[in-house]
Amino acid sequence: MEDDVQLLLESAEEKMQKAIDHLDRELGKIRAGKANPKMLDGIMVEYYGTMTPLQQVASVNTPDPRTIAVQPWERGMIGPIEKAIMNANLGMNPDNNGELVRINVPPLTEERRQSLVKQVKKEGEDARISIRNARRDAINDLKKLKKDGLPEDMEKDAEDQAQKLTDQFTKKVDDLLEKKEKDIMTV
């Protein structure tokens, strides 16, 4: 019984960590005022007939806070990379000099900043919901174990632990959101 409780809590913690990891990835894609290679995550480029992640056909870096440079491994990939970035509708215009693709990241307008903060908050709420769902699932499973003979005090302790995990991970969400919002609002 004790092992079952431990497994339930570990499973809940794992689900909560996945929610945090997902949130972190999603927040990385939301652009704050400065250039970040993560802005191009998720862009797929046609590479010899196969849709391939941009990072697998080029190196992506930021030579300065307003520029993203995409250096293709093969010269012939400049066109398809430029096209893929344009098709991604990121609101950025790539520019190529025959060697690499440069993207100038324009400063954000106040309106755009506020809309990004809303987007950040929505991502945060999705993460909180995932965390609460993990807690709910764990508590429901604990109730089933109680029916199967788990002592009530053990069930209560485990529920408290599940709540502590929830609080801990919710705090991580709040910290990530606060940091991202500050990034976005800093001009």
N, C-alpha and C. Protein backbone atom coordinates (compact mmCIF):
# COMPACT_ATOMS: atom_id res chain seq x y z
N MET A 1 0.82 -1.20 0.00
CA MET A 1 0.00 0.00 0.00
C MET A 1 0.87 1.27 0.00
N GLU A 2 1.88 1.29 0.87
CA GLU A 2 2.74 2.46 0.96
C GLU A 2 3.43 2.73 -0.38
N ASP A 3 3.86 1.63 -1.04
CA ASP A 3 4.51 1.76 -2.35
C ASP A 3 3.55 2.38 -3.37
N ASP A 4 2.28 1.94 -3.30
CA ASP A 4 1.27 2.48 -4.22
C ASP A 4 1.12 3.98 -4.03
N VAL A 5 1.07 4.40 -2.76
CA VAL A 5 0.92 5.82 -2.44
C VAL A 5 2.12 6.59 -3.00
N GLN A 6 3.33 6.05 -2.78
CA GLN A 6 4.55 6.71 -3.26
C GLN A 6 4.53 6.83 -4.78
N LEU A 7 4.11 5.74 -5.45
CA LEU A 7 4.04 5.76 -6.92
C LEU A 7 3.05 6.82 -7.40
N LEU A 8 1.91 6.91 -6.73
CA LEU A 8 0.90 7.91 -7.10
C LEU A 8 1.48 9.32 -6.99
N LEU A 9 2.15 9.57 -5.88
CA LEU A 9 2.71 10.91 -5.67
C LEU A 9 3.81 11.21 -6.68
N GLU A 10 4.63 10.21 -6.97
CA GLU A 10 5.70 10.42 -7.96
C GLU A 10 5.11 10.68 -9.34
N SER A 11 4.06 9.95 -9.66
CA SER A 11 3.40 10.14 -10.95
C SER A 11 2.80 11.55 -11.04
N ALA A 12 2.17 11.99 -9.94
CA ALA A 12 1.60 13.34 -9.91
C ALA A 12 2.71 14.38 -10.09
N GLU A 13 3.82 14.17 -9.38
CA GLU A 13 4.93 15.12 -9.47
C GLU A 13 5.49 15.17 -10.90
N GLU A 14 5.58 13.99 -11.52
CA GLU A 14 6.08 13.92 -12.89
C GLU A 14 5.17 14.70 -13.84
N LYS A 15 3.86 14.53 -13.68
CA LYS A 15 2.90 15.26 -14.53
C LYS A 15 3.03 16.76 -14.31
N MET A 16 3.21 17.16 -13.05
CA MET A 16 3.34 18.58 -12.74
C MET A 16 4.61 19.15 -13.35
N GLN A 17 5.70 18.36 -13.29
CA GLN A 17 6.97 18.82 -13.88
C GLN A 17 6.82 18.97 -15.39
N LYS A 18 6.07 18.03 -16.01
CA LYS A 18 5.85 18.12 -17.46
C LYS A 18 5.09 19.41 -17.79
N ALA A 19 4.14 19.79 -16.93
CA ALA A 19 3.39 21.04 -17.16
C ALA A 19 4.34 22.23 -17.12
N ILE A 20 5.28 22.21 -16.15
CA ILE A 20 6.26 23.30 -16.03
C ILE A 20 7.17 23.33 -17.26
N ASP A 21 7.66 22.15 -17.68
CA ASP A 21 8.54 22.08 -18.85
C ASP A 21 7.83 22.61 -20.09
N HIS A 22 6.56 22.22 -20.24
CA HIS A 22 5.78 22.67 -21.39
C HIS A 22 5.62 24.19 -21.35
N LEU A 23 5.29 24.71 -20.16
CA LEU A 23 5.12 26.15 -20.00
C LEU A 23 6.41 26.88 -20.37
N ASP A 24 7.52 26.35 -19.90
CA ASP A 24 8.83 26.97 -20.17
C ASP A 24 9.08 27.04 -21.68
N ARG A 25 8.78 25.93 -22.38
CA ARG A 25 8.96 25.90 -23.84
C ARG A 25 8.05 26.93 -24.52
N GLU A 26 6.78 26.95 -24.11
CA GLU A 26 5.82 27.88 -24.73
C GLU A 26 6.21 29.33 -24.47
N LEU A 27 6.65 29.62 -23.25
CA LEU A 27 7.05 31.00 -22.93
C LEU A 27 8.27 31.41 -23.75
N GLY A 28 9.14 30.44 -24.04
CA GLY A 28 10.32 30.73 -24.84
C GLY A 28 9.97 31.18 -26.25
N LYS A 29 8.81 30.71 -26.74
CA LYS A 29 8.39 31.07 -28.10
C LYS A 29 7.74 32.45 -28.15
N ILE A 30 7.27 32.93 -26.99
CA ILE A 30 6.64 34.24 -26.96
C ILE A 30 7.75 35.28 -26.89
N ARG A 31 7.75 36.17 -27.85
CA ARG A 31 8.91 37.05 -27.90
C ARG A 31 8.79 38.22 -26.93
N ALA A 32 9.81 38.37 -26.15
CA ALA A 32 9.94 39.58 -25.34
C ALA A 32 10.65 40.57 -26.26
N GLY A 33 10.93 41.75 -25.81
CA GLY A 33 11.49 42.78 -26.68
C GLY A 33 12.78 42.44 -27.39
N LYS A 34 13.52 41.45 -26.92
CA LYS A 34 14.81 41.20 -27.57
C LYS A 34 14.83 39.88 -28.33
N ALA A 35 15.76 39.80 -29.26
CA ALA A 35 15.89 38.62 -30.11
C ALA A 35 16.26 37.40 -29.27
N ASN A 36 15.69 36.26 -29.61
CA ASN A 36 15.96 35.02 -28.90
C ASN A 36 15.84 33.87 -29.91
N PRO A 37 16.85 32.99 -29.99
CA PRO A 37 16.78 31.89 -30.96
C PRO A 37 15.52 31.02 -30.79
N LYS A 38 14.98 30.96 -29.57
CA LYS A 38 13.79 30.14 -29.33
C LYS A 38 12.58 30.64 -30.11
N MET A 39 12.63 31.91 -30.55
CA MET A 39 11.50 32.45 -31.32
C MET A 39 11.27 31.64 -32.59
N LEU A 40 12.32 31.00 -33.07
CA LEU A 40 12.21 30.25 -34.32
C LEU A 40 11.96 28.76 -34.07
N ASP A 41 11.81 28.37 -32.79
CA ASP A 41 11.48 26.97 -32.49
C ASP A 41 10.16 26.64 -33.18
N GLY A 42 10.08 25.44 -33.68
CA GLY A 42 8.82 25.02 -34.29
C GLY A 42 8.75 25.34 -35.77
N ILE A 43 9.73 26.08 -36.30
CA ILE A 43 9.70 26.37 -37.74
C ILE A 43 10.25 25.16 -38.48
N MET A 44 9.48 24.72 -39.46
CA MET A 44 9.88 23.55 -40.24
C MET A 44 10.30 24.02 -41.64
N VAL A 45 11.41 23.45 -42.11
CA VAL A 45 11.96 23.83 -43.41
C VAL A 45 11.92 22.61 -44.32
N GLU A 46 11.59 22.82 -45.59
CA GLU A 46 11.61 21.69 -46.50
C GLU A 46 13.07 21.39 -46.86
N TYR A 47 13.49 20.18 -46.52
CA TYR A 47 14.88 19.78 -46.73
C TYR A 47 14.86 18.48 -47.52
N TYR A 48 15.21 18.55 -48.80
CA TYR A 48 15.16 17.40 -49.70
C TYR A 48 13.82 16.67 -49.60
N GLY A 49 12.73 17.45 -49.65
CA GLY A 49 11.40 16.86 -49.69
C GLY A 49 10.83 16.49 -48.33
N THR A 50 11.58 16.69 -47.25
CA THR A 50 11.10 16.33 -45.91
C THR A 50 11.01 17.58 -45.05
N MET A 51 9.93 17.72 -44.31
CA MET A 51 9.82 18.86 -43.41
C MET A 51 10.72 18.58 -42.21
N THR A 52 11.68 19.47 -41.98
CA THR A 52 12.71 19.28 -40.97
C THR A 52 12.77 20.51 -40.07
N PRO A 53 12.96 20.32 -38.75
CA PRO A 53 13.09 21.50 -37.87
C PRO A 53 14.26 22.37 -38.30
N LEU A 54 14.06 23.68 -38.25
CA LEU A 54 15.07 24.65 -38.66
C LEU A 54 16.42 24.38 -38.00
N GLN A 55 16.40 24.04 -36.70
CA GLN A 55 17.64 23.83 -35.96
C GLN A 55 18.47 22.65 -36.51
N GLN A 56 17.83 21.80 -37.34
CA GLN A 56 18.58 20.67 -37.89
C GLN A 56 19.22 20.99 -39.24
N VAL A 57 18.91 22.17 -39.80
CA VAL A 57 19.51 22.51 -41.09
C VAL A 57 20.34 23.79 -41.01
N ALA A 58 20.35 24.42 -39.82
CA ALA A 58 21.09 25.69 -39.70
C ALA A 58 21.38 25.97 -38.23
N SER A 59 22.38 26.83 -38.01
CA SER A 59 22.60 27.27 -36.62
C SER A 59 21.86 28.59 -36.47
N VAL A 60 21.24 28.77 -35.30
CA VAL A 60 20.46 29.97 -35.03
C VAL A 60 21.10 30.66 -33.83
N ASN A 61 21.48 31.93 -34.00
CA ASN A 61 22.02 32.65 -32.85
C ASN A 61 21.65 34.12 -32.90
N THR A 62 22.01 34.84 -31.83
CA THR A 62 21.67 36.26 -31.75
C THR A 62 22.96 37.06 -31.57
N PRO A 63 23.46 37.64 -32.68
CA PRO A 63 24.68 38.43 -32.59
C PRO A 63 24.50 39.71 -31.76
N ASP A 64 23.26 40.22 -31.70
CA ASP A 64 22.96 41.38 -30.84
C ASP A 64 21.49 41.30 -30.42
N PRO A 65 21.06 42.13 -29.45
CA PRO A 65 19.70 42.00 -28.90
C PRO A 65 18.56 42.22 -29.91
N ARG A 66 18.85 42.78 -31.08
CA ARG A 66 17.78 43.04 -32.05
C ARG A 66 17.87 42.17 -33.31
N THR A 67 18.82 41.23 -33.34
CA THR A 67 19.03 40.45 -34.56
C THR A 67 19.10 38.96 -34.28
N ILE A 68 18.45 38.19 -35.14
CA ILE A 68 18.62 36.73 -35.11
C ILE A 68 19.33 36.38 -36.42
N ALA A 69 20.40 35.59 -36.31
CA ALA A 69 21.12 35.17 -37.51
C ALA A 69 20.93 33.67 -37.68
N VAL A 70 20.56 33.28 -38.90
CA VAL A 70 20.36 31.86 -39.22
C VAL A 70 21.40 31.49 -40.26
N GLN A 71 22.33 30.63 -39.88
CA GLN A 71 23.42 30.22 -40.77
C GLN A 71 23.16 28.79 -41.24
N PRO A 72 22.73 28.62 -42.50
CA PRO A 72 22.45 27.26 -42.99
C PRO A 72 23.72 26.43 -43.09
N TRP A 73 23.58 25.12 -42.86
CA TRP A 73 24.74 24.23 -43.01
C TRP A 73 25.08 24.14 -44.50
N GLU A 74 24.06 24.24 -45.37
CA GLU A 74 24.29 24.18 -46.81
C GLU A 74 23.77 25.46 -47.44
N ARG A 75 24.57 26.04 -48.33
CA ARG A 75 24.21 27.31 -48.97
C ARG A 75 22.86 27.27 -49.67
N GLY A 76 22.56 26.13 -50.30
CA GLY A 76 21.31 25.99 -51.06
C GLY A 76 20.06 26.07 -50.19
N MET A 77 20.22 26.04 -48.88
CA MET A 77 19.08 26.06 -47.97
C MET A 77 18.61 27.47 -47.63
N ILE A 78 19.35 28.49 -48.07
CA ILE A 78 18.98 29.87 -47.70
C ILE A 78 17.55 30.20 -48.14
N GLY A 79 17.22 29.91 -49.40
CA GLY A 79 15.86 30.20 -49.91
C GLY A 79 14.77 29.51 -49.10
N PRO A 80 14.85 28.18 -48.96
CA PRO A 80 13.81 27.47 -48.19
C PRO A 80 13.70 27.96 -46.73
N ILE A 81 14.83 28.33 -46.14
CA ILE A 81 14.81 28.81 -44.74
C ILE A 81 14.08 30.16 -44.70
N GLU A 82 14.43 31.04 -45.63
CA GLU A 82 13.80 32.37 -45.67
C GLU A 82 12.29 32.21 -45.86
N LYS A 83 11.91 31.33 -46.77
CA LYS A 83 10.49 31.09 -47.07
C LYS A 83 9.77 30.54 -45.83
N ALA A 84 10.41 29.59 -45.14
CA ALA A 84 9.79 28.98 -43.96
C ALA A 84 9.57 30.02 -42.86
N ILE A 85 10.54 30.93 -42.69
CA ILE A 85 10.41 31.96 -41.66
C ILE A 85 9.26 32.91 -42.03
N MET A 86 9.17 33.27 -43.31
CA MET A 86 8.08 34.15 -43.75
C MET A 86 6.73 33.47 -43.56
N ASN A 87 6.65 32.19 -43.90
CA ASN A 87 5.39 31.45 -43.80
C ASN A 87 4.96 31.21 -42.36
N ALA A 88 5.90 31.35 -41.42
CA ALA A 88 5.58 31.09 -40.01
C ALA A 88 4.76 32.24 -39.39
N ASN A 89 4.59 33.33 -40.14
CA ASN A 89 3.79 34.47 -39.66
C ASN A 89 4.21 34.96 -38.28
N LEU A 90 5.50 35.18 -38.10
CA LEU A 90 5.99 35.67 -36.82
C LEU A 90 6.03 37.20 -36.80
N GLY A 91 5.63 37.78 -37.92
CA GLY A 91 5.68 39.24 -38.00
C GLY A 91 7.11 39.74 -38.15
N MET A 92 7.99 38.89 -38.68
CA MET A 92 9.38 39.30 -38.86
C MET A 92 9.75 39.10 -40.32
N ASN A 93 10.57 40.02 -40.83
CA ASN A 93 10.99 39.90 -42.22
C ASN A 93 12.43 39.43 -42.31
N PRO A 94 12.63 38.21 -42.82
CA PRO A 94 14.00 37.74 -42.99
C PRO A 94 14.67 38.45 -44.16
N ASP A 95 15.98 38.54 -44.08
CA ASP A 95 16.75 39.22 -45.11
C ASP A 95 18.00 38.37 -45.32
N ASN A 96 18.28 37.96 -46.57
CA ASN A 96 19.48 37.13 -46.74
C ASN A 96 20.51 37.83 -47.60
N ASN A 97 21.78 37.57 -47.25
CA ASN A 97 22.87 38.19 -48.00
C ASN A 97 23.64 37.15 -48.81
N GLY A 98 22.99 35.99 -49.05
CA GLY A 98 23.65 34.93 -49.80
C GLY A 98 24.44 33.99 -48.91
N GLU A 99 24.77 34.41 -47.70
CA GLU A 99 25.53 33.59 -46.76
C GLU A 99 24.65 33.13 -45.61
N LEU A 100 23.88 34.10 -45.07
CA LEU A 100 23.02 33.77 -43.95
C LEU A 100 21.75 34.60 -44.00
N VAL A 101 20.77 34.17 -43.18
CA VAL A 101 19.49 34.88 -43.12
C VAL A 101 19.49 35.69 -41.83
N ARG A 102 19.26 37.00 -41.96
CA ARG A 102 19.18 37.86 -40.77
C ARG A 102 17.72 38.25 -40.57
N ILE A 103 17.35 38.32 -39.30
CA ILE A 103 16.01 38.78 -38.97
C ILE A 103 16.17 39.91 -37.97
N ASN A 104 15.70 41.10 -38.34
CA ASN A 104 15.71 42.21 -37.40
C ASN A 104 14.44 42.12 -36.56
N VAL A 105 14.62 42.14 -35.25
CA VAL A 105 13.48 42.04 -34.34
C VAL A 105 13.09 43.46 -33.94
N PRO A 106 11.95 43.92 -34.45
CA PRO A 106 11.55 45.29 -34.13
C PRO A 106 11.14 45.40 -32.66
N PRO A 107 11.31 46.59 -32.06
CA PRO A 107 10.85 46.75 -30.67
C PRO A 107 9.34 46.59 -30.62
N LEU A 108 8.83 46.16 -29.49
CA LEU A 108 7.40 45.90 -29.35
C LEU A 108 6.64 47.20 -29.04
N THR A 109 5.43 47.31 -29.60
CA THR A 109 4.57 48.44 -29.24
C THR A 109 3.94 48.11 -27.88
N GLU A 110 3.45 49.13 -27.21
CA GLU A 110 2.81 48.94 -25.90
C GLU A 110 1.63 47.96 -26.03
N GLU A 111 0.84 48.15 -27.09
CA GLU A 111 -0.33 47.29 -27.33
C GLU A 111 0.11 45.82 -27.49
N ARG A 112 1.16 45.63 -28.27
CA ARG A 112 1.67 44.28 -28.52
C ARG A 112 2.18 43.67 -27.21
N ARG A 113 2.85 44.47 -26.40
CA ARG A 113 3.35 43.99 -25.11
C ARG A 113 2.18 43.48 -24.26
N GLN A 114 1.11 44.27 -24.20
CA GLN A 114 -0.04 43.87 -23.38
C GLN A 114 -0.68 42.60 -23.91
N SER A 115 -0.74 42.48 -25.23
CA SER A 115 -1.33 41.27 -25.80
C SER A 115 -0.43 40.06 -25.51
N LEU A 116 0.88 40.27 -25.52
CA LEU A 116 1.81 39.17 -25.18
C LEU A 116 1.67 38.77 -23.71
N VAL A 117 1.49 39.76 -22.83
CA VAL A 117 1.31 39.46 -21.40
C VAL A 117 0.05 38.61 -21.21
N LYS A 118 -1.02 38.95 -21.97
CA LYS A 118 -2.25 38.15 -21.89
C LYS A 118 -1.97 36.72 -22.33
N GLN A 119 -1.21 36.58 -23.40
CA GLN A 119 -0.86 35.26 -23.91
C GLN A 119 -0.07 34.48 -22.85
N VAL A 120 0.87 35.17 -22.20
CA VAL A 120 1.69 34.55 -21.15
C VAL A 120 0.78 34.07 -20.01
N LYS A 121 -0.17 34.94 -19.62
CA LYS A 121 -1.08 34.57 -18.53
C LYS A 121 -1.92 33.36 -18.89
N LYS A 122 -2.35 33.29 -20.16
CA LYS A 122 -3.15 32.15 -20.60
C LYS A 122 -2.31 30.86 -20.53
N GLU A 123 -1.06 30.94 -21.00
CA GLU A 123 -0.18 29.77 -20.91
C GLU A 123 -0.01 29.35 -19.45
N GLY A 124 0.14 30.34 -18.58
CA GLY A 124 0.29 30.05 -17.15
C GLY A 124 -0.94 29.37 -16.59
N GLU A 125 -2.10 29.86 -17.00
CA GLU A 125 -3.35 29.25 -16.50
C GLU A 125 -3.46 27.81 -16.98
N ASP A 126 -3.08 27.57 -18.25
CA ASP A 126 -3.10 26.19 -18.77
C ASP A 126 -2.20 25.29 -17.93
N ALA A 127 -1.03 25.80 -17.56
CA ALA A 127 -0.09 25.01 -16.75
C ALA A 127 -0.70 24.74 -15.37
N ARG A 128 -1.32 25.78 -14.78
CA ARG A 128 -1.94 25.59 -13.45
C ARG A 128 -3.04 24.53 -13.53
N ILE A 129 -3.82 24.57 -14.61
CA ILE A 129 -4.90 23.59 -14.77
C ILE A 129 -4.30 22.18 -14.84
N SER A 130 -3.22 22.02 -15.61
CA SER A 130 -2.57 20.70 -15.71
C SER A 130 -2.10 20.23 -14.33
N ILE A 131 -1.54 21.16 -13.57
CA ILE A 131 -1.04 20.82 -12.23
C ILE A 131 -2.20 20.41 -11.33
N ARG A 132 -3.29 21.18 -11.37
CA ARG A 132 -4.46 20.83 -10.54
C ARG A 132 -5.06 19.50 -10.98
N ASN A 133 -5.07 19.24 -12.28
CA ASN A 133 -5.58 17.96 -12.77
C ASN A 133 -4.74 16.80 -12.24
N ALA A 134 -3.42 16.99 -12.21
CA ALA A 134 -2.53 15.94 -11.68
C ALA A 134 -2.85 15.69 -10.21
N ARG A 135 -3.08 16.79 -9.45
CA ARG A 135 -3.44 16.64 -8.04
C ARG A 135 -4.76 15.91 -7.91
N ARG A 136 -5.76 16.33 -8.71
CA ARG A 136 -7.09 15.70 -8.64
C ARG A 136 -7.00 14.20 -8.93
N ASP A 137 -6.25 13.85 -9.99
CA ASP A 137 -6.10 12.42 -10.33
C ASP A 137 -5.47 11.66 -9.17
N ALA A 138 -4.43 12.25 -8.57
CA ALA A 138 -3.75 11.58 -7.45
C ALA A 138 -4.72 11.37 -6.29
N ILE A 139 -5.51 12.40 -5.97
CA ILE A 139 -6.45 12.30 -4.84
C ILE A 139 -7.54 11.27 -5.14
N ASN A 140 -8.03 11.25 -6.37
CA ASN A 140 -9.04 10.24 -6.74
C ASN A 140 -8.46 8.83 -6.59
N ASP A 141 -7.21 8.65 -7.04
CA ASP A 141 -6.57 7.33 -6.91
C ASP A 141 -6.36 6.97 -5.44
N LEU A 142 -6.05 7.96 -4.63
CA LEU A 142 -5.88 7.71 -3.19
C LEU A 142 -7.20 7.26 -2.56
N LYS A 143 -8.28 7.87 -2.98
CA LYS A 143 -9.60 7.47 -2.46
C LYS A 143 -9.90 6.02 -2.84
N LYS A 144 -9.52 5.63 -4.07
CA LYS A 144 -9.71 4.23 -4.48
C LYS A 144 -8.87 3.31 -3.60
N LEU A 145 -7.62 3.73 -3.33
CA LEU A 145 -6.76 2.91 -2.46
C LEU A 145 -7.35 2.80 -1.06
N LYS A 146 -7.97 3.88 -0.60
CA LYS A 146 -8.59 3.87 0.74
C LYS A 146 -9.70 2.82 0.78
N LYS A 147 -10.48 2.77 -0.31
CA LYS A 147 -11.54 1.75 -0.40
C LYS A 147 -10.94 0.35 -0.34
N ASP A 148 -9.72 0.22 -0.93
CA ASP A 148 -9.06 -1.09 -0.95
C ASP A 148 -8.30 -1.37 0.35
N GLY A 149 -8.48 -0.51 1.36
CA GLY A 149 -7.88 -0.80 2.66
C GLY A 149 -6.73 0.07 3.09
N LEU A 150 -6.45 1.14 2.37
CA LEU A 150 -5.40 2.06 2.80
C LEU A 150 -5.89 2.79 4.05
N PRO A 151 -5.08 2.82 5.12
CA PRO A 151 -5.50 3.51 6.34
C PRO A 151 -5.79 4.99 6.06
N GLU A 152 -6.83 5.50 6.75
CA GLU A 152 -7.28 6.87 6.49
C GLU A 152 -6.19 7.90 6.75
N ASP A 153 -5.40 7.71 7.82
CA ASP A 153 -4.36 8.70 8.11
C ASP A 153 -3.29 8.72 7.02
N MET A 154 -3.00 7.55 6.44
CA MET A 154 -2.03 7.50 5.33
C MET A 154 -2.58 8.24 4.12
N GLU A 155 -3.89 8.05 3.88
CA GLU A 155 -4.53 8.72 2.74
C GLU A 155 -4.47 10.24 2.94
N LYS A 156 -4.79 10.69 4.17
CA LYS A 156 -4.77 12.13 4.47
C LYS A 156 -3.36 12.70 4.29
N ASP A 157 -2.35 11.98 4.81
CA ASP A 157 -0.96 12.42 4.66
C ASP A 157 -0.60 12.56 3.18
N ALA A 158 -0.99 11.56 2.41
CA ALA A 158 -0.68 11.57 0.98
C ALA A 158 -1.39 12.73 0.28
N GLU A 159 -2.64 13.00 0.68
CA GLU A 159 -3.37 14.13 0.10
C GLU A 159 -2.65 15.44 0.43
N ASP A 160 -2.17 15.53 1.68
CA ASP A 160 -1.42 16.73 2.07
C ASP A 160 -0.16 16.88 1.21
N GLN A 161 0.52 15.75 0.98
CA GLN A 161 1.73 15.80 0.15
C GLN A 161 1.38 16.24 -1.27
N ALA A 162 0.26 15.71 -1.79
CA ALA A 162 -0.17 16.09 -3.14
C ALA A 162 -0.44 17.59 -3.19
N GLN A 163 -1.06 18.12 -2.12
CA GLN A 163 -1.34 19.56 -2.08
C GLN A 163 -0.04 20.35 -2.00
N LYS A 164 0.94 19.85 -1.22
CA LYS A 164 2.23 20.54 -1.12
C LYS A 164 2.92 20.59 -2.48
N LEU A 165 2.86 19.46 -3.21
CA LEU A 165 3.44 19.43 -4.57
C LEU A 165 2.75 20.46 -5.45
N THR A 166 1.42 20.50 -5.35
CA THR A 166 0.64 21.44 -6.16
C THR A 166 1.08 22.87 -5.86
N ASP A 167 1.20 23.20 -4.57
CA ASP A 167 1.60 24.55 -4.18
C ASP A 167 3.00 24.87 -4.71
N GLN A 168 3.89 23.88 -4.58
CA GLN A 168 5.29 24.06 -5.02
C GLN A 168 5.34 24.33 -6.53
N PHE A 169 4.59 23.54 -7.31
CA PHE A 169 4.63 23.71 -8.76
C PHE A 169 3.87 24.96 -9.21
N THR A 170 2.82 25.32 -8.49
CA THR A 170 2.09 26.54 -8.82
C THR A 170 3.00 27.74 -8.60
N LYS A 171 3.82 27.68 -7.57
CA LYS A 171 4.78 28.75 -7.29
C LYS A 171 5.78 28.85 -8.45
N LYS A 172 6.23 27.69 -8.98
CA LYS A 172 7.15 27.71 -10.12
C LYS A 172 6.50 28.39 -11.32
N VAL A 173 5.21 28.09 -11.54
CA VAL A 173 4.48 28.73 -12.65
C VAL A 173 4.47 30.24 -12.44
N ASP A 174 4.13 30.67 -11.21
CA ASP A 174 4.07 32.11 -10.93
C ASP A 174 5.43 32.77 -11.16
N ASP A 175 6.49 32.10 -10.73
CA ASP A 175 7.84 32.65 -10.92
C ASP A 175 8.18 32.79 -12.40
N LEU A 176 7.88 31.74 -13.18
CA LEU A 176 8.15 31.78 -14.63
C LEU A 176 7.37 32.92 -15.29
N LEU A 177 6.10 33.06 -14.91
CA LEU A 177 5.25 34.09 -15.51
C LEU A 177 5.75 35.48 -15.15
N GLU A 178 6.10 35.65 -13.88
CA GLU A 178 6.57 36.96 -13.42
C GLU A 178 7.82 37.37 -14.20
N LYS A 179 8.75 36.43 -14.36
CA LYS A 179 10.00 36.70 -15.07
C LYS A 179 9.69 37.06 -16.54
N LYS A 180 8.80 36.29 -17.17
CA LYS A 180 8.47 36.53 -18.58
C LYS A 180 7.76 37.87 -18.76
N GLU A 181 6.82 38.18 -17.85
CA GLU A 181 6.11 39.45 -17.96
C GLU A 181 7.07 40.62 -17.82
N LYS A 182 8.02 40.47 -16.87
CA LYS A 182 8.99 41.52 -16.67
C LYS A 182 9.83 41.70 -17.95
N ASP A 183 10.22 40.56 -18.56
CA ASP A 183 10.96 40.59 -19.83
C ASP A 183 10.19 41.36 -20.89
N ILE A 184 8.91 41.05 -21.02
CA ILE A 184 8.09 41.66 -22.06
C ILE A 184 7.91 43.16 -21.81
N MET A 185 7.67 43.53 -20.55
CA MET A 185 7.36 44.92 -20.25
C MET A 185 8.60 45.82 -20.17
N THR A 186 9.79 45.21 -20.10
CA THR A 186 11.01 45.99 -20.08
C THR A 186 11.31 46.51 -21.48
N VAL A 187 11.35 47.79 -21.62
CA VAL A 187 11.58 48.37 -22.97
C VAL A 187 13.08 48.45 -23.23
